């Protein structure tokens, strides 16, 4: 049976108090973050290409599944947008096809994923970022990525059961980081 670690899920509110896992003889903390490959990714057959961008950077996939989103999960996930006039179209677009939910991990994974994905509006995103290379829309913008440690903890718990996230241990750590980084 896989061993699951949600960093900080049972710890205090901020990530500084999150449990730390020893890596390569150090006591460095790895972050985990949620990435959703949106229906625009699925419809355009870009799933493999987008996943490849994260893996080539050195982020590890600790959990991944395809799932159909429903009203309940979308209203919870986008609770801050429910009252906005564009929410019905956002919700409809997120239910067009299944999404791919991923738990990615790495040192500073949240910031690294946000940097790779680029600015929310694809028209304003830098070339070389996922959104800068693959979209022209603010809403059909290929991916969702957690924006903070607190959001990552809540979102991972929303989209994954504990047993769906795997502890990869030190797998490939020596190829991704210097001893004192991981």
N, C-alpha and C. Protein backbone atom coordinates (compact mmCIF):
# COMPACT_ATOMS: atom_id res chain seq x y z
N UNK A 1 0.85 -1.18 0.00
CA UNK A 1 0.00 0.00 0.00
C UNK A 1 0.89 1.24 0.00
N UNK A 2 0.55 2.26 -0.82
CA UNK A 2 1.39 3.45 -0.89
C UNK A 2 1.33 4.26 0.40
N UNK A 3 2.41 4.93 0.67
CA UNK A 3 2.49 5.81 1.83
C UNK A 3 2.18 7.21 1.34
N UNK A 4 1.31 7.92 2.03
CA UNK A 4 0.91 9.25 1.59
C UNK A 4 1.45 10.30 2.54
N UNK A 5 1.87 11.40 1.97
CA UNK A 5 2.31 12.56 2.75
C UNK A 5 1.66 13.79 2.17
N UNK A 6 0.78 14.43 2.89
CA UNK A 6 0.34 15.77 2.52
C UNK A 6 1.14 16.67 3.42
N UNK A 7 2.08 17.38 2.87
CA UNK A 7 2.92 18.22 3.70
C UNK A 7 2.05 19.28 4.34
N UNK A 8 2.01 19.27 5.64
CA UNK A 8 1.31 20.29 6.40
C UNK A 8 -0.17 20.03 6.61
N UNK A 9 -0.73 18.97 6.06
CA UNK A 9 -2.17 18.81 6.17
C UNK A 9 -2.61 18.63 7.61
N UNK A 10 -1.76 18.04 8.44
CA UNK A 10 -2.10 17.88 9.84
C UNK A 10 -1.30 18.84 10.72
N UNK A 11 -0.52 19.70 10.08
CA UNK A 11 0.33 20.62 10.82
C UNK A 11 -0.36 21.97 10.98
N UNK A 12 0.36 22.90 11.53
CA UNK A 12 -0.17 24.24 11.72
C UNK A 12 -0.45 24.90 10.39
N UNK A 13 -1.06 26.08 10.43
CA UNK A 13 -1.53 26.75 9.23
C UNK A 13 -0.45 27.06 8.21
N UNK A 14 0.74 27.43 8.62
CA UNK A 14 1.70 27.82 7.58
C UNK A 14 2.72 26.73 7.33
N UNK A 15 3.27 26.79 6.14
CA UNK A 15 4.15 25.73 5.66
C UNK A 15 5.46 25.66 6.47
N UNK A 16 5.83 26.71 7.14
CA UNK A 16 7.05 26.69 7.95
C UNK A 16 6.93 25.65 9.08
N UNK A 17 5.69 25.41 9.51
CA UNK A 17 5.46 24.43 10.56
C UNK A 17 5.08 23.06 10.02
N UNK A 18 5.13 22.91 8.69
CA UNK A 18 4.77 21.63 8.08
C UNK A 18 5.82 20.58 8.43
N UNK A 19 5.41 19.32 8.47
CA UNK A 19 6.38 18.27 8.74
C UNK A 19 7.44 18.25 7.64
N UNK A 20 8.65 17.97 8.02
CA UNK A 20 9.74 17.93 7.06
C UNK A 20 10.17 16.48 6.87
N UNK A 21 10.54 16.16 5.63
CA UNK A 21 11.01 14.82 5.33
C UNK A 21 12.49 14.88 5.03
N UNK A 22 13.28 14.05 5.65
CA UNK A 22 14.70 14.04 5.35
C UNK A 22 14.96 13.60 3.92
N UNK A 23 15.88 14.26 3.25
CA UNK A 23 16.27 13.93 1.88
C UNK A 23 17.78 13.90 1.80
N UNK A 24 18.32 12.84 1.30
CA UNK A 24 19.77 12.72 1.07
C UNK A 24 20.59 13.17 2.28
N UNK A 25 20.15 12.80 3.45
CA UNK A 25 20.91 13.12 4.65
C UNK A 25 20.68 14.54 5.15
N UNK A 26 19.82 15.31 4.50
CA UNK A 26 19.52 16.66 4.96
C UNK A 26 18.12 16.69 5.54
N UNK A 27 17.68 17.81 5.97
CA UNK A 27 16.35 17.95 6.54
C UNK A 27 15.55 18.97 5.75
N UNK A 28 15.72 19.00 4.43
CA UNK A 28 15.05 19.97 3.57
C UNK A 28 13.59 19.58 3.34
N UNK A 29 12.76 20.56 3.15
CA UNK A 29 11.34 20.34 2.92
C UNK A 29 11.03 20.39 1.43
N UNK A 30 10.33 19.38 0.95
CA UNK A 30 9.82 19.35 -0.42
C UNK A 30 8.41 19.90 -0.39
N UNK A 31 8.03 20.59 -1.44
CA UNK A 31 6.65 21.07 -1.56
C UNK A 31 5.89 20.19 -2.53
N UNK A 32 4.59 20.14 -2.31
CA UNK A 32 3.66 19.50 -3.23
C UNK A 32 2.63 20.53 -3.65
N UNK A 33 2.18 20.41 -4.88
CA UNK A 33 1.22 21.36 -5.40
C UNK A 33 0.25 20.68 -6.35
N UNK A 34 -0.93 21.27 -6.49
CA UNK A 34 -1.93 20.75 -7.42
C UNK A 34 -1.79 21.42 -8.77
N UNK A 35 -1.87 20.63 -9.82
CA UNK A 35 -1.99 21.14 -11.18
C UNK A 35 -3.18 20.44 -11.80
N UNK A 36 -4.08 21.22 -12.42
CA UNK A 36 -5.17 20.65 -13.19
C UNK A 36 -4.92 20.96 -14.65
N UNK A 37 -4.94 19.94 -15.49
CA UNK A 37 -4.91 20.16 -16.93
C UNK A 37 -6.37 20.30 -17.34
N UNK A 38 -6.72 21.49 -17.75
CA UNK A 38 -8.11 21.86 -17.99
C UNK A 38 -8.66 21.23 -19.28
N UNK A 39 -9.99 21.30 -19.45
CA UNK A 39 -10.59 20.77 -20.67
C UNK A 39 -9.96 21.33 -21.96
N UNK A 40 -9.48 22.56 -21.94
CA UNK A 40 -8.84 23.09 -23.14
C UNK A 40 -7.59 22.28 -23.50
N UNK A 41 -6.91 21.73 -22.51
CA UNK A 41 -5.76 20.87 -22.75
C UNK A 41 -6.20 19.53 -23.32
N UNK A 42 -7.24 18.96 -22.71
CA UNK A 42 -7.76 17.66 -23.15
C UNK A 42 -8.29 17.76 -24.58
N UNK A 43 -9.09 18.79 -24.87
CA UNK A 43 -9.69 18.95 -26.19
C UNK A 43 -8.65 19.14 -27.29
N UNK A 44 -7.55 19.76 -26.95
CA UNK A 44 -6.51 20.04 -27.94
C UNK A 44 -5.42 18.97 -27.98
N UNK A 45 -5.62 17.88 -27.26
CA UNK A 45 -4.70 16.74 -27.23
C UNK A 45 -3.29 17.18 -26.84
N UNK A 46 -3.21 18.00 -25.77
CA UNK A 46 -1.92 18.50 -25.28
C UNK A 46 -1.50 17.89 -23.94
N UNK A 47 -2.23 16.89 -23.47
CA UNK A 47 -1.95 16.33 -22.14
C UNK A 47 -0.49 15.90 -22.02
N UNK A 48 -0.03 15.05 -22.89
CA UNK A 48 1.34 14.54 -22.81
C UNK A 48 2.37 15.64 -22.92
N UNK A 49 2.12 16.58 -23.80
CA UNK A 49 3.07 17.68 -24.00
C UNK A 49 3.19 18.55 -22.75
N UNK A 50 2.07 18.84 -22.11
CA UNK A 50 2.09 19.68 -20.90
C UNK A 50 2.74 18.93 -19.75
N UNK A 51 2.38 17.66 -19.56
CA UNK A 51 3.01 16.87 -18.50
C UNK A 51 4.51 16.81 -18.73
N UNK A 52 4.92 16.64 -19.96
CA UNK A 52 6.34 16.57 -20.30
C UNK A 52 7.09 17.83 -19.87
N UNK A 53 6.45 18.99 -19.98
CA UNK A 53 7.12 20.24 -19.59
C UNK A 53 7.46 20.21 -18.10
N UNK A 54 6.53 19.73 -17.28
CA UNK A 54 6.77 19.65 -15.84
C UNK A 54 7.84 18.61 -15.52
N UNK A 55 7.77 17.45 -16.16
CA UNK A 55 8.75 16.40 -15.89
C UNK A 55 10.15 16.81 -16.36
N UNK A 56 10.25 17.44 -17.50
CA UNK A 56 11.56 17.86 -18.00
C UNK A 56 12.20 18.90 -17.09
N UNK A 57 11.39 19.68 -16.42
CA UNK A 57 11.91 20.66 -15.46
C UNK A 57 12.51 19.96 -14.23
N UNK A 58 12.02 18.77 -13.94
CA UNK A 58 12.51 18.03 -12.77
C UNK A 58 11.47 17.86 -11.69
N UNK A 59 10.24 18.30 -11.93
CA UNK A 59 9.18 18.06 -10.96
C UNK A 59 8.74 16.60 -11.07
N UNK A 60 8.39 16.03 -9.93
CA UNK A 60 7.99 14.63 -9.91
C UNK A 60 6.49 14.53 -9.73
N UNK A 61 5.89 13.55 -10.40
CA UNK A 61 4.45 13.31 -10.29
C UNK A 61 4.23 12.33 -9.15
N UNK A 62 3.63 12.83 -8.07
CA UNK A 62 3.35 11.99 -6.91
C UNK A 62 1.94 11.43 -6.94
N UNK A 63 1.10 11.99 -7.80
CA UNK A 63 -0.26 11.51 -7.98
C UNK A 63 -0.83 12.08 -9.26
N UNK A 64 -1.65 11.28 -9.96
CA UNK A 64 -2.26 11.76 -11.19
C UNK A 64 -3.51 10.93 -11.49
N UNK A 65 -4.55 11.62 -11.94
CA UNK A 65 -5.77 10.91 -12.34
C UNK A 65 -6.60 11.81 -13.26
N UNK A 66 -7.43 11.17 -14.06
CA UNK A 66 -8.38 11.88 -14.89
C UNK A 66 -9.72 11.81 -14.17
N UNK A 67 -10.43 12.95 -14.14
CA UNK A 67 -11.70 12.98 -13.44
C UNK A 67 -12.64 14.00 -14.06
N UNK A 68 -13.94 13.71 -13.98
CA UNK A 68 -14.95 14.64 -14.45
C UNK A 68 -15.37 15.52 -13.27
N UNK A 69 -15.25 16.83 -13.43
CA UNK A 69 -15.63 17.75 -12.35
C UNK A 69 -17.13 17.94 -12.35
N UNK A 70 -17.68 18.20 -11.15
CA UNK A 70 -19.12 18.42 -11.01
C UNK A 70 -19.36 19.77 -10.32
N UNK A 71 -20.63 20.14 -10.20
CA UNK A 71 -21.00 21.42 -9.58
C UNK A 71 -20.38 21.59 -8.20
N UNK A 72 -20.47 20.56 -7.38
CA UNK A 72 -20.01 20.66 -6.00
C UNK A 72 -18.52 20.98 -5.92
N UNK A 73 -17.70 20.24 -6.62
CA UNK A 73 -16.25 20.46 -6.53
C UNK A 73 -15.87 21.81 -7.15
N UNK A 74 -16.54 22.21 -8.23
CA UNK A 74 -16.22 23.49 -8.86
C UNK A 74 -16.64 24.67 -8.00
N UNK A 75 -17.79 24.56 -7.35
CA UNK A 75 -18.23 25.65 -6.48
C UNK A 75 -17.33 25.77 -5.25
N UNK A 76 -16.80 24.66 -4.78
CA UNK A 76 -15.84 24.70 -3.67
C UNK A 76 -14.50 25.25 -4.15
N UNK A 77 -14.02 24.73 -5.27
CA UNK A 77 -12.71 25.14 -5.79
C UNK A 77 -12.68 26.62 -6.18
N UNK A 78 -13.75 27.07 -6.78
CA UNK A 78 -13.83 28.46 -7.23
C UNK A 78 -14.77 29.29 -6.35
N UNK A 79 -14.81 28.99 -5.05
CA UNK A 79 -15.71 29.68 -4.13
C UNK A 79 -15.55 31.20 -4.20
N UNK A 80 -14.35 31.68 -4.42
CA UNK A 80 -14.07 33.11 -4.50
C UNK A 80 -14.63 33.75 -5.78
N UNK A 81 -15.10 32.93 -6.72
CA UNK A 81 -15.61 33.44 -8.00
C UNK A 81 -17.10 33.16 -8.22
N UNK A 82 -17.74 32.42 -7.32
CA UNK A 82 -19.12 31.98 -7.51
C UNK A 82 -20.07 33.14 -7.80
N UNK A 83 -19.88 34.27 -7.19
CA UNK A 83 -20.78 35.42 -7.35
C UNK A 83 -20.44 36.28 -8.58
N UNK A 84 -19.36 35.98 -9.26
CA UNK A 84 -18.94 36.77 -10.42
C UNK A 84 -19.83 36.43 -11.62
N UNK A 85 -20.09 37.41 -12.48
CA UNK A 85 -20.98 37.16 -13.63
C UNK A 85 -20.44 36.12 -14.62
N UNK A 86 -19.14 35.91 -14.64
CA UNK A 86 -18.55 34.94 -15.58
C UNK A 86 -18.50 33.52 -15.03
N UNK A 87 -18.90 33.32 -13.76
CA UNK A 87 -18.77 32.00 -13.15
C UNK A 87 -19.54 30.91 -13.91
N UNK A 88 -20.78 31.15 -14.35
CA UNK A 88 -21.47 30.08 -15.09
C UNK A 88 -20.71 29.61 -16.33
N UNK A 89 -20.10 30.53 -17.07
CA UNK A 89 -19.35 30.08 -18.25
C UNK A 89 -18.06 29.38 -17.85
N UNK A 90 -17.43 29.82 -16.76
CA UNK A 90 -16.23 29.15 -16.26
C UNK A 90 -16.58 27.71 -15.86
N UNK A 91 -17.67 27.58 -15.11
CA UNK A 91 -18.09 26.25 -14.66
C UNK A 91 -18.42 25.34 -15.85
N UNK A 92 -19.13 25.88 -16.82
CA UNK A 92 -19.47 25.08 -18.01
C UNK A 92 -18.21 24.65 -18.76
N UNK A 93 -17.25 25.54 -18.87
CA UNK A 93 -16.02 25.19 -19.59
C UNK A 93 -15.21 24.13 -18.85
N UNK A 94 -15.25 24.15 -17.53
CA UNK A 94 -14.51 23.18 -16.73
C UNK A 94 -15.19 21.80 -16.68
N UNK A 95 -16.45 21.74 -17.18
CA UNK A 95 -17.17 20.48 -17.19
C UNK A 95 -17.30 19.89 -18.60
N UNK A 96 -16.71 20.54 -19.60
CA UNK A 96 -16.83 20.06 -20.98
C UNK A 96 -16.22 18.68 -21.18
N UNK A 97 -15.09 18.45 -20.58
CA UNK A 97 -14.41 17.15 -20.66
C UNK A 97 -13.83 16.86 -19.28
N UNK A 98 -13.36 15.66 -19.06
CA UNK A 98 -12.62 15.41 -17.81
C UNK A 98 -11.36 16.29 -17.77
N UNK A 99 -10.83 16.46 -16.59
CA UNK A 99 -9.55 17.15 -16.40
C UNK A 99 -8.54 16.11 -15.92
N UNK A 100 -7.26 16.46 -16.00
CA UNK A 100 -6.22 15.62 -15.42
C UNK A 100 -5.72 16.36 -14.19
N UNK A 101 -5.87 15.73 -13.03
CA UNK A 101 -5.39 16.30 -11.77
C UNK A 101 -4.05 15.66 -11.44
N UNK A 102 -3.08 16.51 -11.08
CA UNK A 102 -1.75 16.01 -10.73
C UNK A 102 -1.27 16.62 -9.43
N UNK A 103 -0.59 15.82 -8.66
CA UNK A 103 0.17 16.30 -7.51
C UNK A 103 1.63 16.29 -7.94
N UNK A 104 2.23 17.46 -8.07
CA UNK A 104 3.63 17.57 -8.44
C UNK A 104 4.43 17.92 -7.19
N UNK A 105 5.66 17.41 -7.13
CA UNK A 105 6.51 17.72 -5.99
C UNK A 105 7.91 18.07 -6.43
N UNK A 106 8.53 18.90 -5.58
CA UNK A 106 9.91 19.31 -5.80
C UNK A 106 10.24 20.44 -4.83
N UNK A 107 11.50 20.82 -4.80
CA UNK A 107 11.90 21.96 -3.98
C UNK A 107 11.27 23.21 -4.59
N UNK A 108 10.59 24.00 -3.77
CA UNK A 108 9.90 25.21 -4.22
C UNK A 108 8.91 24.91 -5.35
N UNK A 109 8.25 23.77 -5.29
CA UNK A 109 7.38 23.32 -6.38
C UNK A 109 6.28 24.31 -6.71
N UNK A 110 5.71 24.96 -5.72
CA UNK A 110 4.60 25.89 -5.98
C UNK A 110 5.07 27.04 -6.86
N UNK A 111 6.15 27.68 -6.48
CA UNK A 111 6.68 28.81 -7.26
C UNK A 111 7.18 28.35 -8.63
N UNK A 112 7.83 27.19 -8.69
CA UNK A 112 8.35 26.68 -9.95
C UNK A 112 7.20 26.40 -10.92
N UNK A 113 6.15 25.75 -10.44
CA UNK A 113 4.99 25.46 -11.30
C UNK A 113 4.34 26.76 -11.78
N UNK A 114 4.19 27.73 -10.89
CA UNK A 114 3.58 29.01 -11.29
C UNK A 114 4.43 29.70 -12.35
N UNK A 115 5.74 29.63 -12.21
CA UNK A 115 6.64 30.24 -13.18
C UNK A 115 6.53 29.55 -14.55
N UNK A 116 6.50 28.23 -14.54
CA UNK A 116 6.39 27.46 -15.78
C UNK A 116 5.05 27.71 -16.47
N UNK A 117 3.98 27.83 -15.70
CA UNK A 117 2.66 28.00 -16.31
C UNK A 117 2.49 29.40 -16.90
N UNK A 118 3.07 30.40 -16.28
CA UNK A 118 2.98 31.76 -16.82
C UNK A 118 1.74 32.51 -16.35
N UNK A 119 1.66 33.73 -16.81
CA UNK A 119 0.56 34.64 -16.46
C UNK A 119 -0.78 34.01 -16.82
N UNK A 120 -1.81 34.25 -16.02
CA UNK A 120 -3.13 33.64 -16.21
C UNK A 120 -3.70 33.86 -17.61
N UNK A 121 -3.63 35.08 -18.09
CA UNK A 121 -4.15 35.39 -19.42
C UNK A 121 -3.09 35.01 -20.46
N UNK A 122 -3.41 34.03 -21.28
CA UNK A 122 -2.46 33.53 -22.26
C UNK A 122 -1.94 34.59 -23.22
N UNK A 123 -2.74 35.63 -23.50
CA UNK A 123 -2.29 36.71 -24.39
C UNK A 123 -1.18 37.54 -23.77
N UNK A 124 -1.10 37.52 -22.45
CA UNK A 124 -0.10 38.31 -21.73
C UNK A 124 1.06 37.46 -21.20
N UNK A 125 0.93 36.15 -21.30
CA UNK A 125 1.95 35.24 -20.76
C UNK A 125 3.20 35.26 -21.65
N UNK A 126 4.35 35.17 -21.01
CA UNK A 126 5.62 35.17 -21.74
C UNK A 126 5.76 33.92 -22.60
N UNK A 127 6.33 34.10 -23.78
CA UNK A 127 6.70 32.96 -24.61
C UNK A 127 7.65 32.09 -23.81
N UNK A 128 7.52 30.79 -23.97
CA UNK A 128 8.33 29.86 -23.20
C UNK A 128 7.60 29.30 -22.00
N UNK A 129 6.54 29.99 -21.55
CA UNK A 129 5.70 29.43 -20.48
C UNK A 129 4.62 28.59 -21.14
N UNK A 130 3.97 27.74 -20.37
CA UNK A 130 2.92 26.89 -20.93
C UNK A 130 1.81 27.74 -21.52
N UNK A 131 1.31 28.71 -20.77
CA UNK A 131 0.23 29.55 -21.30
C UNK A 131 0.72 30.44 -22.43
N UNK A 132 1.94 30.91 -22.35
CA UNK A 132 2.49 31.74 -23.42
C UNK A 132 2.66 30.98 -24.72
N UNK A 133 2.90 29.69 -24.62
CA UNK A 133 3.10 28.87 -25.81
C UNK A 133 1.84 28.21 -26.33
N UNK A 134 0.83 27.98 -25.45
CA UNK A 134 -0.30 27.15 -25.85
C UNK A 134 -1.68 27.78 -25.75
N UNK A 135 -1.80 29.04 -25.35
CA UNK A 135 -3.16 29.58 -25.28
C UNK A 135 -3.21 31.07 -25.55
N UNK A 136 -4.41 31.51 -25.90
CA UNK A 136 -4.68 32.92 -26.17
C UNK A 136 -5.79 33.46 -25.27
N UNK A 137 -6.20 32.69 -24.28
CA UNK A 137 -7.38 33.01 -23.49
C UNK A 137 -7.03 33.24 -22.02
N UNK A 138 -7.91 33.97 -21.35
CA UNK A 138 -7.82 34.14 -19.91
C UNK A 138 -8.50 32.97 -19.20
N UNK A 139 -9.57 32.44 -19.79
CA UNK A 139 -10.33 31.35 -19.17
C UNK A 139 -9.90 29.99 -19.69
N UNK A 140 -9.73 29.84 -20.98
CA UNK A 140 -9.30 28.57 -21.58
C UNK A 140 -7.77 28.54 -21.56
N UNK A 141 -7.22 28.60 -20.36
CA UNK A 141 -5.78 28.84 -20.21
C UNK A 141 -4.97 27.60 -19.83
N UNK A 142 -5.40 26.45 -20.27
CA UNK A 142 -4.65 25.21 -20.25
C UNK A 142 -4.50 24.56 -18.87
N UNK A 143 -4.06 25.31 -17.86
CA UNK A 143 -3.77 24.70 -16.56
C UNK A 143 -4.27 25.57 -15.41
N UNK A 144 -4.52 24.89 -14.30
CA UNK A 144 -4.69 25.57 -13.01
C UNK A 144 -3.52 25.12 -12.16
N UNK A 145 -2.96 26.04 -11.38
CA UNK A 145 -1.86 25.71 -10.46
C UNK A 145 -2.11 26.40 -9.13
N UNK A 146 -1.90 25.68 -8.04
CA UNK A 146 -2.04 26.27 -6.70
C UNK A 146 -1.14 27.49 -6.59
N UNK A 147 -1.64 28.52 -5.88
CA UNK A 147 -0.89 29.78 -5.79
C UNK A 147 -0.20 30.02 -4.46
N UNK A 148 -0.34 29.11 -3.52
CA UNK A 148 0.31 29.29 -2.21
C UNK A 148 0.39 27.94 -1.51
N UNK A 149 1.22 27.83 -0.49
CA UNK A 149 1.27 26.57 0.26
C UNK A 149 -0.08 26.19 0.87
N UNK A 150 -0.80 27.18 1.38
CA UNK A 150 -2.10 26.92 1.98
C UNK A 150 -3.09 26.42 0.93
N UNK A 151 -3.10 27.07 -0.24
CA UNK A 151 -3.99 26.64 -1.32
C UNK A 151 -3.62 25.24 -1.79
N UNK A 152 -2.34 24.94 -1.89
CA UNK A 152 -1.90 23.62 -2.35
C UNK A 152 -2.41 22.53 -1.40
N UNK A 153 -2.31 22.76 -0.12
CA UNK A 153 -2.78 21.77 0.87
C UNK A 153 -4.28 21.55 0.71
N UNK A 154 -5.06 22.64 0.64
CA UNK A 154 -6.51 22.52 0.51
C UNK A 154 -6.90 21.88 -0.82
N UNK A 155 -6.25 22.29 -1.90
CA UNK A 155 -6.61 21.78 -3.22
C UNK A 155 -6.23 20.32 -3.40
N UNK A 156 -5.08 19.92 -2.89
CA UNK A 156 -4.71 18.51 -2.98
C UNK A 156 -5.71 17.65 -2.21
N UNK A 157 -6.13 18.12 -1.05
CA UNK A 157 -7.12 17.38 -0.27
C UNK A 157 -8.48 17.34 -0.97
N UNK A 158 -8.79 18.36 -1.75
CA UNK A 158 -10.06 18.42 -2.47
C UNK A 158 -10.08 17.44 -3.65
N UNK A 159 -8.96 17.29 -4.33
CA UNK A 159 -8.93 16.51 -5.56
C UNK A 159 -8.36 15.10 -5.41
N UNK A 160 -7.69 14.82 -4.30
CA UNK A 160 -7.07 13.51 -4.11
C UNK A 160 -7.43 12.92 -2.76
N UNK A 161 -7.65 11.62 -2.73
CA UNK A 161 -7.73 10.89 -1.48
C UNK A 161 -6.29 10.67 -1.02
N UNK A 162 -6.04 10.54 0.27
CA UNK A 162 -4.67 10.35 0.75
C UNK A 162 -3.95 9.18 0.07
N UNK A 163 -4.65 8.09 -0.17
CA UNK A 163 -3.99 6.92 -0.78
C UNK A 163 -3.70 7.09 -2.27
N UNK A 164 -4.12 8.19 -2.86
CA UNK A 164 -3.85 8.44 -4.28
C UNK A 164 -2.57 9.24 -4.51
N UNK A 165 -1.92 9.64 -3.41
CA UNK A 165 -0.66 10.37 -3.51
C UNK A 165 0.44 9.48 -2.93
N UNK A 166 1.50 9.32 -3.70
CA UNK A 166 2.54 8.38 -3.36
C UNK A 166 3.79 9.08 -2.85
N UNK A 167 4.44 8.42 -1.90
CA UNK A 167 5.72 8.90 -1.39
C UNK A 167 6.80 8.28 -2.25
N UNK A 168 7.46 9.08 -3.05
CA UNK A 168 8.48 8.59 -3.97
C UNK A 168 9.85 8.50 -3.31
N UNK A 169 9.93 8.87 -2.06
CA UNK A 169 11.20 8.80 -1.34
C UNK A 169 12.28 9.61 -2.03
N UNK A 170 13.43 9.03 -2.15
CA UNK A 170 14.56 9.76 -2.74
C UNK A 170 14.75 9.43 -4.22
N UNK A 171 13.76 8.80 -4.83
CA UNK A 171 13.83 8.44 -6.25
C UNK A 171 14.31 9.61 -7.11
N UNK A 172 15.43 9.44 -7.77
CA UNK A 172 16.02 10.43 -8.70
C UNK A 172 16.44 11.74 -8.05
N UNK A 173 16.41 11.83 -6.74
CA UNK A 173 16.77 13.09 -6.10
C UNK A 173 18.21 13.49 -6.41
N UNK A 174 19.10 12.51 -6.50
CA UNK A 174 20.50 12.82 -6.78
C UNK A 174 20.71 13.35 -8.20
N UNK A 175 19.73 13.12 -9.07
CA UNK A 175 19.81 13.63 -10.44
C UNK A 175 19.14 14.99 -10.60
N UNK A 176 18.38 15.39 -9.61
CA UNK A 176 17.62 16.64 -9.69
C UNK A 176 18.22 17.77 -8.86
N UNK A 177 18.87 17.43 -7.73
CA UNK A 177 19.32 18.43 -6.78
C UNK A 177 20.72 18.10 -6.26
N UNK A 178 21.42 19.13 -5.86
CA UNK A 178 22.66 18.93 -5.11
C UNK A 178 22.28 18.41 -3.72
N UNK A 179 23.19 17.75 -3.06
CA UNK A 179 22.92 17.14 -1.76
C UNK A 179 22.33 18.13 -0.77
N UNK A 180 22.81 19.37 -0.77
CA UNK A 180 22.33 20.35 0.22
C UNK A 180 21.04 21.05 -0.21
N UNK A 181 20.49 20.74 -1.39
CA UNK A 181 19.25 21.37 -1.83
C UNK A 181 18.02 20.55 -1.52
N UNK A 182 18.15 19.27 -1.51
CA UNK A 182 16.98 18.42 -1.33
C UNK A 182 17.08 17.77 0.01
